[in-house]
Amino acid sequence: MKFVIATGNEGKVREFKRILEPMGFEVSSLKEMGLSLDVEETGATFAENARIKAKEACRLTGLAAIADDSGLCVDALGGAPGVYSARYLGEDTSYIEKNSAIIASLNGIAETERTASFRCAIALVTKDGEHVFTGRIDGRIG
């Protein structure tokens, strides 16, 4: 079976290839196919955004498509940055700067109140249907 990975992030493509190719699956990126994904991530959840991307990649290529969306949800910040994690403080802002800003925004908040979770959703869309898988790990921001 052949999959297309619905991302422009070559690091994510490498991760999916490392996992799927040893199991006998063929994996291509949109870039390798001469395509790019131009969709707005308008979902209110990581699962919705992953589904939006996978659905469009499947439509573009006719192949089974896999997409993921993930991010950090900080309870003391009302769940922010949440689904906006990649765009938090602007798309060109480094993750070091984003992390520093999050830590600074928690200044004065007790360590016990600095709870957060990292959430991930992976969507698989084929011509026959859709499946979404989610994961979450809870922790604290130092």
Protein backbone atom coordinates (compact mmCIF):
# COMPACT_ATOMS: atom_id res chain seq x y z
CA MET A 1 0.00 0.00 0.00
CA LYS A 2 1.20 3.51 -0.80
CA PHE A 3 0.69 6.49 1.50
CA VAL A 4 1.18 10.19 0.93
CA ILE A 5 2.20 12.24 3.95
CA ALA A 6 0.22 15.48 4.09
CA THR A 7 2.91 17.87 5.26
CA GLY A 8 5.59 20.17 3.96
CA ASN A 9 7.73 19.33 7.00
CA GLU A 10 10.51 17.02 5.78
CA GLY A 11 11.28 15.97 9.36
CA LYS A 12 7.76 14.58 9.73
CA VAL A 13 8.08 12.81 6.37
CA ARG A 14 11.31 11.14 7.54
CA GLU A 15 9.60 10.03 10.77
CA PHE A 16 6.68 8.44 8.94
CA LYS A 17 9.01 6.75 6.45
CA ARG A 18 11.15 5.37 9.29
CA ILE A 19 8.05 3.84 10.88
CA LEU A 20 6.09 2.66 7.83
CA GLU A 21 8.66 1.56 5.26
CA PRO A 22 10.10 -1.31 7.37
CA MET A 23 6.54 -2.68 7.49
CA GLY A 24 6.46 -2.83 3.69
CA PHE A 25 4.50 0.36 3.01
CA GLU A 26 5.53 2.81 0.30
CA VAL A 27 5.61 6.40 1.55
CA SER A 28 5.84 9.61 -0.49
CA SER A 29 5.72 13.24 0.44
CA LEU A 30 3.65 15.75 -1.45
CA LYS A 31 6.90 17.47 -2.41
CA GLU A 32 8.23 14.24 -3.96
CA MET A 33 5.03 14.16 -6.03
CA GLY A 34 5.47 17.78 -7.15
CA LEU A 35 2.54 18.94 -5.04
CA SER A 36 1.96 21.15 -2.05
CA LEU A 37 -0.84 21.39 0.46
CA ASP A 38 -2.69 24.69 0.61
CA VAL A 39 -5.34 24.31 3.28
CA GLU A 40 -6.29 26.42 6.26
CA GLU A 41 -6.15 24.61 9.56
CA THR A 42 -9.54 25.86 10.71
CA GLY A 43 -10.30 23.01 13.11
CA ALA A 44 -10.94 23.64 16.78
CA THR A 45 -9.00 20.49 17.69
CA PHE A 46 -5.80 18.76 16.63
CA ALA A 47 -7.91 15.88 15.27
CA GLU A 48 -9.96 18.21 13.07
CA ASN A 49 -6.83 19.86 11.65
CA ALA A 50 -5.16 16.52 10.93
CA ARG A 51 -8.32 15.34 9.20
CA ILE A 52 -8.53 18.52 7.07
CA LYS A 53 -4.96 18.02 5.82
CA ALA A 54 -5.28 14.28 5.17
CA LYS A 55 -8.60 14.68 3.38
CA GLU A 56 -7.16 17.29 1.00
CA ALA A 57 -4.01 15.23 0.31
CA CYS A 58 -6.17 12.19 -0.48
CA ARG A 59 -8.31 14.29 -2.82
CA LEU A 60 -5.21 15.71 -4.57
CA THR A 61 -3.41 12.39 -5.06
CA GLY A 62 -6.03 9.65 -4.91
CA LEU A 63 -3.77 7.90 -2.40
CA ALA A 64 -4.28 7.01 1.22
CA ALA A 65 -3.14 10.10 3.10
CA ILE A 66 -1.70 10.54 6.57
CA ALA A 67 -1.51 13.87 8.39
CA ASP A 68 -0.78 14.88 11.91
CA ASP A 69 -1.33 17.91 14.07
CA SER A 70 0.05 18.44 17.52
CA GLY A 71 0.83 21.04 20.10
CA LEU A 72 1.16 22.16 23.66
CA CYS A 73 -1.84 23.03 25.84
CA VAL A 74 -1.01 24.97 29.00
CA ASP A 75 -3.83 24.93 31.54
CA ALA A 76 -2.89 28.23 33.23
CA LEU A 77 -3.04 29.88 29.80
CA GLY A 78 -6.54 28.63 29.05
CA GLY A 79 -5.18 25.80 26.91
CA ALA A 80 -2.97 28.06 24.79
CA PRO A 81 -1.14 27.85 22.55
CA GLY A 82 -3.18 24.73 21.66
CA VAL A 83 -4.02 24.28 17.98
CA TYR A 84 -2.07 27.48 17.32
CA SER A 85 1.20 26.03 18.68
CA ALA A 86 3.01 26.13 15.32
CA ARG A 87 1.79 29.68 14.64
CA TYR A 88 2.16 30.95 18.23
CA LEU A 89 3.95 34.32 18.15
CA GLY A 90 4.21 33.99 14.35
CA GLU A 91 5.25 31.15 12.06
CA ASP A 92 8.81 32.48 11.79
CA THR A 93 9.33 32.53 15.56
CA SER A 94 11.70 29.80 16.72
CA TYR A 95 10.55 27.17 19.19
CA ILE A 96 13.18 28.44 21.62
CA GLU A 97 11.53 31.87 21.53
CA LYS A 98 8.04 30.37 21.81
CA ASN A 99 9.07 28.25 24.79
CA SER A 100 10.72 31.24 26.48
CA ALA A 101 7.56 33.30 26.01
CA ILE A 102 5.40 30.54 27.50
CA ILE A 103 7.68 30.24 30.52
CA ALA A 104 7.68 34.04 30.94
CA SER A 105 3.88 34.12 30.80
CA LEU A 106 3.81 31.65 33.70
CA ASN A 107 5.95 33.92 35.86
CA GLY A 108 4.30 34.22 39.27
CA ILE A 109 2.18 31.10 38.81
CA ALA A 110 2.85 28.37 41.37
CA GLU A 111 4.70 25.33 40.06
CA THR A 112 1.76 23.10 41.02
CA GLU A 113 -0.48 25.21 38.74
CA ARG A 114 1.80 24.93 35.71
CA THR A 115 0.12 21.83 34.33
CA ALA A 116 0.17 21.22 30.61
CA SER A 117 -0.27 18.50 28.04
CA PHE A 118 1.26 17.72 24.68
CA ARG A 119 -1.38 16.41 22.31
CA CYS A 120 -1.11 14.74 18.94
CA ALA A 121 -3.63 13.56 16.39
CA ILE A 122 -2.92 11.46 13.31
CA ALA A 123 -5.52 11.16 10.58
CA LEU A 124 -5.63 8.49 7.89
CA VAL A 125 -7.97 9.21 4.99
CA THR A 126 -8.58 6.74 2.17
CA LYS A 127 -11.21 6.59 -0.55
CA ASP A 128 -13.07 4.19 1.76
CA GLY A 129 -13.11 6.24 4.94
CA GLU A 130 -11.34 8.13 7.67
CA HIS A 131 -9.66 7.18 10.93
CA VAL A 132 -8.25 9.55 13.55
CA PHE A 133 -5.94 8.52 16.38
CA THR A 134 -5.07 10.76 19.29
CA GLY A 135 -2.54 10.78 22.08
CA ARG A 136 -1.78 12.96 25.06
CA ILE A 137 0.96 13.22 27.64
CA ASP A 138 0.51 15.33 30.75
CA GLY A 139 3.18 17.19 32.64
CA ARG A 140 4.27 20.52 34.08
CA ILE A 141 6.07 23.53 32.68
CA GLY A 142 9.23 24.25 34.70
